[in-house]
């Protein structure tokens, strides 16, 4: 049938050509857009919205790989490359799913930078507002932060002009570049964008410190007392406290949304539709064939012994469809930043107060007090921090880094995997880039 249709179409084109219709391809389609049209002031807001769409999809796409490596998701389907990630082989550039997600990052980083450059020029010419520029900067900062958090190495290219890999030792600079974008976005005059940018800057400052902890050879970070490297969260705390002053008690979230008419979410499709990956069974009891039917909350609160309320709320948020929102930053994350800084400073009372802002004020759970778990002292506080951070940052692209810095492993990790042999390793530049970019060494 396909061959018959092709021949019929060719015959029809030939017949029309012979009847004097001219060149059928020589038409003026008002729906065609060329790059010059996109660069016009009238298109500026659409370009910024397009940037957000690309950033949202990339976050969903790229975060799924580390989520499967970590103890957030596990492989239940038929595609072996997900199983490879589940077993801790995070550094394989040939993995079909991390390779499939890599172009999403490239598209998003290019589009976000393109939007900033276009709008900045329009602002200089008086054709766009600083508030629109602030949004563009926020989205560029977001995708660059996600690159710095999730990638072992990266390359920024411009269309057919190939970029040069940044190098694993220099990846923190991508995070600090995001911090600069968030700082500029905060000054754009839009209160909502300023609050979102400050929350993202708090996340970025913390991620920069965590990067030091899981990349000690690059950062010169020295190990301390078993809790990881001594980290400086001062800048993150200042931003977190400012955000909390405005939102405390509201369970505020900065989310990006998805819908059938705008942006699809690859992660939700794989988890909620295809069932290729599912919530780890330490989080949710999965009872269906292959573990694809979610049951009761499995992660118990270590102090009260009841199902963790934060996991239950996240389970409701992510739901069962393909278009649930993803959280970029939240009030809960801000409290966790304050809590960990207090713990690092030896401020037991400040740590308990910050943890209880989540446990008691947001979730109605019993208050944390040092010494109330089977362990005591600093170890008890570390248990509280690790558990609370895991339950309250689900699917935000942060868990694998936390596992690395706290020396946590997943039972499914193989002894030869990079997660076991090279803790701290994140996603590599993949083969799709290696084959297209002469500046990237061969991936095999």
Protein backbone atom coordinates (compact mmCIF):
# COMPACT_ATOMS: atom_id res chain seq x y z
CA UNK A 1 0.00 0.00 0.00
CA UNK A 2 2.82 2.40 0.80
CA UNK A 3 4.35 1.91 -2.64
CA UNK A 4 0.97 2.36 -4.33
CA UNK A 5 0.37 5.63 -2.53
CA UNK A 6 3.78 6.93 -3.44
CA UNK A 7 3.25 6.21 -7.12
CA UNK A 8 -0.21 7.76 -7.05
CA UNK A 9 1.13 10.94 -5.53
CA UNK A 10 3.86 11.19 -8.13
CA UNK A 11 1.37 10.65 -10.92
CA UNK A 12 -0.87 13.37 -9.53
CA UNK A 13 1.99 15.86 -9.29
CA UNK A 14 3.02 15.06 -12.85
CA UNK A 15 -0.50 15.49 -14.14
CA UNK A 16 -0.92 18.84 -12.44
CA UNK A 17 2.40 20.03 -13.78
CA UNK A 18 1.36 19.20 -17.32
CA UNK A 19 -1.88 21.16 -16.97
CA UNK A 20 -0.04 24.40 -16.44
CA UNK A 21 -0.24 24.76 -12.66
CA UNK A 22 3.41 25.76 -12.46
CA UNK A 23 5.70 24.80 -9.58
CA UNK A 24 3.55 23.38 -6.81
CA UNK A 25 6.28 24.09 -4.27
CA UNK A 26 6.42 27.77 -5.16
CA UNK A 27 3.84 28.98 -2.67
CA UNK A 28 3.68 31.69 -0.07
CA UNK A 29 2.75 30.01 3.22
CA UNK A 30 1.91 32.60 5.88
CA UNK A 31 2.59 30.00 8.58
CA UNK A 32 6.26 29.65 7.64
CA UNK A 33 8.64 31.27 10.11
CA UNK A 34 12.23 32.17 9.39
CA UNK A 35 14.77 33.14 12.03
CA UNK A 36 14.51 36.82 11.15
CA UNK A 37 10.83 36.70 12.11
CA UNK A 38 11.63 35.15 15.48
CA UNK A 39 14.07 37.95 16.20
CA UNK A 40 11.42 40.68 15.84
CA UNK A 41 10.23 42.47 19.01
CA UNK A 42 6.70 41.14 18.52
CA UNK A 43 8.02 37.59 18.88
CA UNK A 44 10.08 38.22 22.03
CA UNK A 45 7.58 36.85 24.51
CA UNK A 46 7.00 33.78 22.37
CA UNK A 47 10.75 33.14 22.29
CA UNK A 48 10.92 33.33 26.09
CA UNK A 49 7.94 30.99 26.40
CA UNK A 50 9.68 28.63 23.99
CA UNK A 51 12.72 28.73 26.23
CA UNK A 52 10.65 27.70 29.24
CA UNK A 53 9.10 24.88 27.24
CA UNK A 54 12.53 23.54 26.22
CA UNK A 55 13.92 23.87 29.76
CA UNK A 56 10.92 22.06 31.27
CA UNK A 57 11.18 19.14 28.87
CA UNK A 58 14.93 18.87 29.34
CA UNK A 59 14.59 18.76 33.13
CA UNK A 60 12.08 15.93 32.88
CA UNK A 61 14.16 14.07 30.32
CA UNK A 62 17.58 14.39 31.92
CA UNK A 63 16.59 13.96 35.57
CA UNK A 64 15.11 10.52 34.93
CA UNK A 65 18.50 8.88 34.36
CA UNK A 66 20.01 9.86 37.73
CA UNK A 67 16.66 9.11 39.41
CA UNK A 68 16.91 5.52 38.17
CA UNK A 69 20.54 5.26 39.27
CA UNK A 70 19.52 6.54 42.70
CA UNK A 71 16.88 5.11 45.04
CA UNK A 72 14.05 7.23 43.61
CA UNK A 73 13.10 5.08 40.60
CA UNK A 74 13.80 1.50 39.61
CA UNK A 75 13.58 -0.34 36.32
CA UNK A 76 10.53 -2.55 35.83
CA UNK A 77 10.21 -2.66 32.06
CA UNK A 78 11.84 -4.33 29.08
CA UNK A 79 14.56 -1.89 28.00
CA UNK A 80 17.97 -3.07 29.22
CA UNK A 81 19.58 0.37 29.18
CA UNK A 82 17.33 1.45 32.05
CA UNK A 83 18.48 -1.67 33.87
CA UNK A 84 22.08 -0.62 33.27
CA UNK A 85 21.39 2.67 35.02
CA UNK A 86 19.53 0.90 37.83
CA UNK A 87 22.67 -1.16 38.45
CA UNK A 88 24.77 1.99 38.87
CA UNK A 89 26.42 2.22 35.44
CA UNK A 90 25.96 5.96 35.24
CA UNK A 91 28.96 6.79 33.04
CA UNK A 92 28.24 4.86 29.83
CA UNK A 93 28.06 7.31 26.88
CA UNK A 94 26.36 4.62 24.79
CA UNK A 95 23.37 4.20 27.09
CA UNK A 96 20.39 4.74 24.81
CA UNK A 97 18.32 6.69 27.35
CA UNK A 98 20.93 9.14 28.60
CA UNK A 99 22.00 9.49 24.95
CA UNK A 100 18.39 10.11 23.97
CA UNK A 101 18.06 12.80 26.64
CA UNK A 102 21.28 14.62 25.76
CA UNK A 103 19.81 16.49 22.77
CA UNK A 104 17.09 17.87 25.07
CA UNK A 105 19.82 19.55 27.09
CA UNK A 106 21.49 20.90 23.96
CA UNK A 107 18.25 22.31 22.61
CA UNK A 108 17.35 23.88 25.95
CA UNK A 109 20.73 25.46 26.66
CA UNK A 110 20.86 26.91 23.14
CA UNK A 111 17.26 28.16 23.19
CA UNK A 112 17.60 29.70 26.64
CA UNK A 113 20.76 31.56 25.64
CA UNK A 114 19.16 32.64 22.36
CA UNK A 115 16.16 34.05 24.21
CA UNK A 116 18.34 36.06 26.59
CA UNK A 117 20.38 37.53 23.74
CA UNK A 118 17.30 38.48 21.69
CA UNK A 119 15.43 40.07 24.59
CA UNK A 120 18.50 41.87 25.88
CA UNK A 121 18.88 43.56 22.51
CA UNK A 122 15.19 44.51 22.46
CA UNK A 123 15.50 46.00 25.95
CA UNK A 124 18.47 48.06 24.82
CA UNK A 125 16.39 49.35 21.92
CA UNK A 126 13.37 50.11 24.09
CA UNK A 127 11.31 47.33 22.49
CA UNK A 128 11.02 44.93 25.46
CA UNK A 129 10.80 45.18 29.23
CA UNK A 130 13.29 44.26 31.91
CA UNK A 131 10.64 41.97 33.35
CA UNK A 132 10.66 39.86 30.17
CA UNK A 133 14.45 39.78 30.25
CA UNK A 134 14.28 38.62 33.87
CA UNK A 135 12.15 35.64 32.82
CA UNK A 136 14.61 34.75 30.06
CA UNK A 137 17.50 34.95 32.53
CA UNK A 138 15.63 32.79 35.04
CA UNK A 139 15.11 30.05 32.46
CA UNK A 140 18.71 30.19 31.23
CA UNK A 141 19.92 30.01 34.81
CA UNK A 142 17.69 27.01 35.45
CA UNK A 143 18.93 24.92 32.54
CA UNK A 144 22.55 25.78 33.23
CA UNK A 145 22.08 24.81 36.86
CA UNK A 146 20.58 21.49 35.82
CA UNK A 147 23.53 20.89 33.49
CA UNK A 148 25.97 21.62 36.33
CA UNK A 149 24.11 19.34 38.72
CA UNK A 150 23.53 16.38 36.40
CA UNK A 151 26.45 16.25 33.97
CA UNK A 152 30.00 15.01 34.42
CA UNK A 153 31.05 17.11 31.41
CA UNK A 154 29.26 19.24 28.85
CA UNK A 155 29.72 21.15 25.63
CA UNK A 156 27.91 24.31 24.58
CA UNK A 157 27.62 24.50 20.79
CA UNK A 158 25.93 27.07 18.54
CA UNK A 159 23.96 25.44 15.74
CA UNK A 160 26.58 23.90 13.44
CA UNK A 161 29.48 25.52 15.26
CA UNK A 162 30.86 22.87 17.59
CA UNK A 163 31.80 23.84 21.11
CA UNK A 164 34.61 22.45 23.23
CA UNK A 165 33.98 20.29 26.30
CA UNK A 166 34.18 22.25 29.52
CA UNK A 167 35.97 19.41 31.28
CA UNK A 168 34.84 17.59 34.44
CA UNK A 169 37.05 19.70 36.70
CA UNK A 170 35.42 22.90 35.43
CA UNK A 171 31.74 21.96 35.63
CA UNK A 172 31.19 24.03 38.77
CA UNK A 173 31.59 27.12 36.57
CA UNK A 174 28.29 26.24 34.87
CA UNK A 175 26.58 26.44 38.27
CA UNK A 176 28.22 29.76 39.11
CA UNK A 177 27.10 31.07 35.72
CA UNK A 178 23.55 30.11 36.65
CA UNK A 179 23.92 32.02 39.92
CA UNK A 180 24.83 35.15 37.95
CA UNK A 181 21.70 34.77 35.80
CA UNK A 182 19.49 34.36 38.87
CA UNK A 183 21.04 37.45 40.43
CA UNK A 184 20.30 39.56 37.36
CA UNK A 185 16.79 38.11 37.09
CA UNK A 186 16.04 39.19 40.66
CA UNK A 187 16.60 42.80 39.64
CA UNK A 188 14.18 42.72 36.71
CA UNK A 189 11.25 44.31 38.49
CA UNK A 190 8.86 41.33 38.50
CA UNK A 191 8.17 40.22 42.09
CA UNK A 192 7.13 36.68 41.18
CA UNK A 193 10.16 36.11 38.97
CA UNK A 194 12.42 37.63 41.62
CA UNK A 195 11.13 35.20 44.24
CA UNK A 196 11.53 32.22 41.91
CA UNK A 197 15.03 33.35 40.94
CA UNK A 198 16.07 33.79 44.57
CA UNK A 199 14.83 30.31 45.43
CA UNK A 200 16.73 28.92 42.46
CA UNK A 201 19.82 30.86 43.53
CA UNK A 202 19.56 29.27 46.97
CA UNK A 203 19.42 25.85 45.31
CA UNK A 204 22.36 26.77 43.07
CA UNK A 205 24.55 27.98 45.95
CA UNK A 206 23.88 24.71 47.77
CA UNK A 207 24.55 22.65 44.64
CA UNK A 208 27.84 24.46 44.15
CA UNK A 209 28.88 23.44 47.66
CA UNK A 210 27.70 19.86 47.08
CA UNK A 211 29.66 19.79 43.82
CA UNK A 212 32.76 20.50 45.90
CA UNK A 213 31.92 17.57 48.16
CA UNK A 214 31.49 14.99 45.40
CA UNK A 215 34.40 16.29 43.30
CA UNK A 216 37.13 16.59 45.96
CA UNK A 217 40.04 16.29 43.51
CA UNK A 218 38.75 19.28 41.56
CA UNK A 219 37.59 21.37 44.50
CA UNK A 220 40.31 20.59 47.05
CA UNK A 221 37.56 19.80 49.53
CA UNK A 222 38.79 17.80 52.53
CA UNK A 223 36.74 15.15 54.30
CA UNK A 224 35.70 15.93 57.86
CA UNK A 225 33.85 13.75 60.37
CA UNK A 226 31.99 11.27 58.23
CA UNK A 227 29.20 13.61 57.24
CA UNK A 228 31.08 14.47 54.06
CA UNK A 229 33.10 17.55 53.25
CA UNK A 230 32.78 20.61 55.43
CA UNK A 231 30.45 22.67 53.27
CA UNK A 232 29.78 26.38 53.27
CA UNK A 233 26.08 27.04 52.76
CA UNK A 234 26.20 30.67 53.88
CA UNK A 235 25.11 32.20 50.57
CA UNK A 236 22.43 29.56 50.13
CA UNK A 237 21.07 30.23 53.62
CA UNK A 238 20.79 33.97 53.03
CA UNK A 239 18.65 33.37 49.95
CA UNK A 240 16.64 30.61 51.59
CA UNK A 241 15.79 32.77 54.59
CA UNK A 242 14.71 35.62 52.31
CA UNK A 243 12.37 33.30 50.41
CA UNK A 244 11.03 31.83 53.64
CA UNK A 245 10.24 35.29 54.99
CA UNK A 246 7.81 35.68 52.10
CA UNK A 247 6.33 32.18 51.80
CA UNK A 248 6.79 30.38 55.14
CA UNK A 249 3.85 28.18 56.09
CA UNK A 250 2.25 28.09 52.63
CA UNK A 251 4.09 24.98 51.37
CA UNK A 252 5.20 27.12 48.43
CA UNK A 253 6.54 25.45 45.29
CA UNK A 254 8.05 26.75 42.09
CA UNK A 255 6.76 24.23 39.55
CA UNK A 256 6.89 23.88 35.80
CA UNK A 257 3.86 22.36 34.14
CA UNK A 258 3.18 20.05 31.23
CA UNK A 259 0.11 19.50 29.09
CA UNK A 260 -1.06 17.76 25.95
CA UNK A 261 -1.21 21.12 24.18
CA UNK A 262 2.23 22.41 25.17
CA UNK A 263 5.09 20.34 26.57
CA UNK A 264 5.29 16.62 27.16
CA UNK A 265 7.16 15.12 30.10
CA UNK A 266 9.32 12.13 29.13
CA UNK A 267 9.78 11.10 32.75
CA UNK A 268 6.06 11.01 33.48
CA UNK A 269 5.46 9.11 30.27
CA UNK A 270 7.94 6.41 31.25
CA UNK A 271 6.75 6.17 34.85
CA UNK A 272 3.02 6.88 34.67
CA UNK A 273 2.15 5.64 31.20
CA UNK A 274 4.62 3.04 29.91
CA UNK A 275 5.58 1.68 33.34
CA UNK A 276 9.20 1.33 32.23
CA UNK A 277 10.38 2.77 35.55
CA UNK A 278 8.55 3.01 38.86
CA UNK A 279 8.94 4.60 42.27
CA UNK A 280 11.53 2.72 44.28
CA UNK A 281 9.89 0.16 46.52
CA UNK A 282 11.52 1.72 49.57
CA UNK A 283 9.29 4.73 48.79
CA UNK A 284 6.08 3.11 47.57
CA UNK A 285 4.95 -0.51 47.64
CA UNK A 286 4.50 -1.56 44.04
CA UNK A 287 2.19 -4.54 43.83
CA UNK A 288 1.23 -5.07 40.20
CA UNK A 289 2.83 -7.32 37.57
CA UNK A 290 6.47 -6.31 37.35
CA UNK A 291 5.91 -3.82 40.16
CA UNK A 292 3.91 -1.40 38.04
CA UNK A 293 0.92 -0.83 40.30
CA UNK A 294 1.58 1.56 43.15
CA UNK A 295 0.25 0.76 46.58
CA UNK A 296 0.83 2.13 50.06
CA UNK A 297 3.60 4.53 51.05
CA UNK A 298 6.55 2.38 52.12
CA UNK A 299 8.98 4.98 53.47
CA UNK A 300 8.36 5.21 57.20
CA UNK A 301 9.26 8.22 59.27
CA UNK A 302 12.19 7.13 61.49
CA UNK A 303 10.80 8.96 64.53
CA UNK A 304 7.05 8.37 64.56
CA UNK A 305 6.98 5.08 62.66
CA UNK A 306 4.14 6.20 60.38
CA UNK A 307 4.23 6.59 56.61
CA UNK A 308 6.10 9.75 55.67
CA UNK A 309 3.61 12.51 54.86
CA UNK A 310 5.98 14.29 52.47
CA UNK A 311 6.25 11.16 50.31
CA UNK A 312 2.49 10.83 50.30
CA UNK A 313 2.10 14.43 49.14
CA UNK A 314 4.69 13.97 46.41
CA UNK A 315 2.95 10.76 45.33
CA UNK A 316 -0.28 12.70 44.93
CA UNK A 317 1.42 15.52 43.03
CA UNK A 318 3.10 13.25 40.50
CA UNK A 319 -0.10 11.28 40.14
CA UNK A 320 -0.75 8.79 37.39
CA UNK A 321 -0.81 10.89 34.22
CA UNK A 322 1.80 12.23 31.83
CA UNK A 323 1.43 15.90 32.70
CA UNK A 324 2.06 16.30 36.44
CA UNK A 325 4.19 19.32 37.40
CA UNK A 326 7.86 19.06 38.32
CA UNK A 327 9.19 21.06 41.26
CA UNK A 328 12.22 23.27 40.69
CA UNK A 329 12.44 24.79 44.17
CA UNK A 330 10.21 24.82 47.22
CA UNK A 331 9.68 26.08 50.73
CA UNK A 332 10.72 22.61 51.90
CA UNK A 333 14.05 22.88 50.12
CA UNK A 334 14.64 26.28 51.72
CA UNK A 335 14.06 24.82 55.20
CA UNK A 336 16.44 21.96 54.39
CA UNK A 337 19.16 24.42 53.40
CA UNK A 338 18.78 26.26 56.70
CA UNK A 339 18.72 22.96 58.60
CA UNK A 340 21.88 21.57 57.06
CA UNK A 341 23.77 24.80 57.59
CA UNK A 342 22.77 24.72 61.26
CA UNK A 343 23.89 21.09 61.54
CA UNK A 344 27.25 21.92 59.98
CA UNK A 345 27.68 24.73 62.51
CA UNK A 346 26.85 22.47 65.46
CA UNK A 347 23.64 24.38 66.17
CA UNK A 348 21.40 21.53 67.36
CA UNK A 349 18.52 23.81 68.28
CA UNK A 350 18.59 25.63 64.96
CA UNK A 351 18.71 22.33 63.11
CA UNK A 352 15.71 20.96 65.00
CA UNK A 353 13.75 24.16 64.47
CA UNK A 354 14.31 24.09 60.70
CA UNK A 355 13.48 20.37 60.38
CA UNK A 356 10.32 20.85 62.43
CA UNK A 357 9.15 23.65 60.13
CA UNK A 358 8.64 20.82 57.65
CA UNK A 359 7.65 18.00 59.98
CA UNK A 360 5.24 19.88 62.23
CA UNK A 361 4.19 23.02 60.38
CA UNK A 362 3.82 21.61 56.85
CA UNK A 363 3.11 17.92 57.45
CA UNK A 364 1.54 17.77 60.91
CA UNK A 365 4.01 15.10 62.06
CA UNK A 366 5.56 14.76 65.50
CA UNK A 367 8.42 17.08 66.30
CA UNK A 368 12.00 15.94 65.86
CA UNK A 369 14.17 16.05 68.97
CA UNK A 370 17.77 14.87 69.18
CA UNK A 371 18.14 11.44 70.69
CA UNK A 372 14.63 10.21 69.89
CA UNK A 373 15.74 7.66 67.26
CA UNK A 374 17.71 4.45 67.92
CA UNK A 375 20.91 6.45 67.51
CA UNK A 376 21.85 9.67 69.25
CA UNK A 377 23.84 12.86 68.88
CA UNK A 378 25.26 13.87 65.51
CA UNK A 379 24.46 10.53 63.90
CA UNK A 380 20.82 10.99 64.87
CA UNK A 381 20.77 14.45 63.29
CA UNK A 382 22.35 13.10 60.11
CA UNK A 383 19.63 10.43 59.94
CA UNK A 384 17.00 13.15 60.31
CA UNK A 385 18.61 15.31 57.63
CA UNK A 386 19.18 12.52 55.12
CA UNK A 387 15.67 11.12 55.54
CA UNK A 388 13.94 14.51 55.44
CA UNK A 389 15.90 15.69 52.42
CA UNK A 390 15.14 12.49 50.53
CA UNK A 391 11.41 12.67 51.27
CA UNK A 392 11.12 16.37 50.43
CA UNK A 393 13.20 16.68 47.26
CA UNK A 394 11.78 13.75 45.28
CA UNK A 395 12.38 13.96 41.52
CA UNK A 396 14.13 17.33 41.71
CA UNK A 397 17.38 16.00 40.28
CA UNK A 398 19.21 16.07 43.63
CA UNK A 399 19.10 12.60 45.16
CA UNK A 400 22.09 10.92 43.47
CA UNK A 401 24.41 13.72 44.58
CA UNK A 402 23.13 13.32 48.14
CA UNK A 403 23.75 9.57 48.05
CA UNK A 404 27.29 10.17 46.91
CA UNK A 405 28.13 12.73 49.57
CA UNK A 406 26.61 10.70 52.40
CA UNK A 407 28.14 7.43 51.27
CA UNK A 408 24.74 5.84 50.55
CA UNK A 409 24.44 3.01 48.03
CA UNK A 410 21.56 1.28 46.30
CA UNK A 411 21.31 -2.51 46.75
CA UNK A 412 20.99 -2.88 42.98
CA UNK A 413 24.35 -1.22 42.24
CA UNK A 414 26.88 -3.67 40.83
CA UNK A 415 30.38 -3.79 42.28
CA UNK A 416 31.92 -2.79 38.93
CA UNK A 417 29.54 0.12 38.30
CA UNK A 418 30.76 3.71 38.26
CA UNK A 419 28.38 4.57 41.10
CA UNK A 420 30.36 2.13 43.26
CA UNK A 421 33.88 2.58 41.89
CA UNK A 422 33.75 6.33 41.16
CA UNK A 423 31.25 7.88 43.59
CA UNK A 424 30.49 11.39 42.44
CA UNK A 425 30.31 10.52 38.74
CA UNK A 426 27.35 12.02 36.92
CA UNK A 427 26.09 11.73 33.33
CA UNK A 428 28.69 11.84 30.53
CA UNK A 429 28.73 13.55 27.17
CA UNK A 430 27.00 10.89 25.13
CA UNK A 431 27.63 9.29 21.77
CA UNK A 432 25.19 11.51 19.86
CA UNK A 433 27.47 14.46 20.64
CA UNK A 434 30.70 12.50 20.21
CA UNK A 435 29.75 11.57 16.66
CA UNK A 436 28.62 15.08 15.71
CA UNK A 437 31.31 17.17 17.39
CA UNK A 438 34.93 16.91 16.27
CA UNK A 439 36.05 18.52 19.54
CA UNK A 440 34.76 15.63 21.65
CA UNK A 441 36.86 12.47 21.96
CA UNK A 442 35.36 9.29 20.58
CA UNK A 443 32.80 7.61 22.83
CA UNK A 444 33.27 4.23 21.19
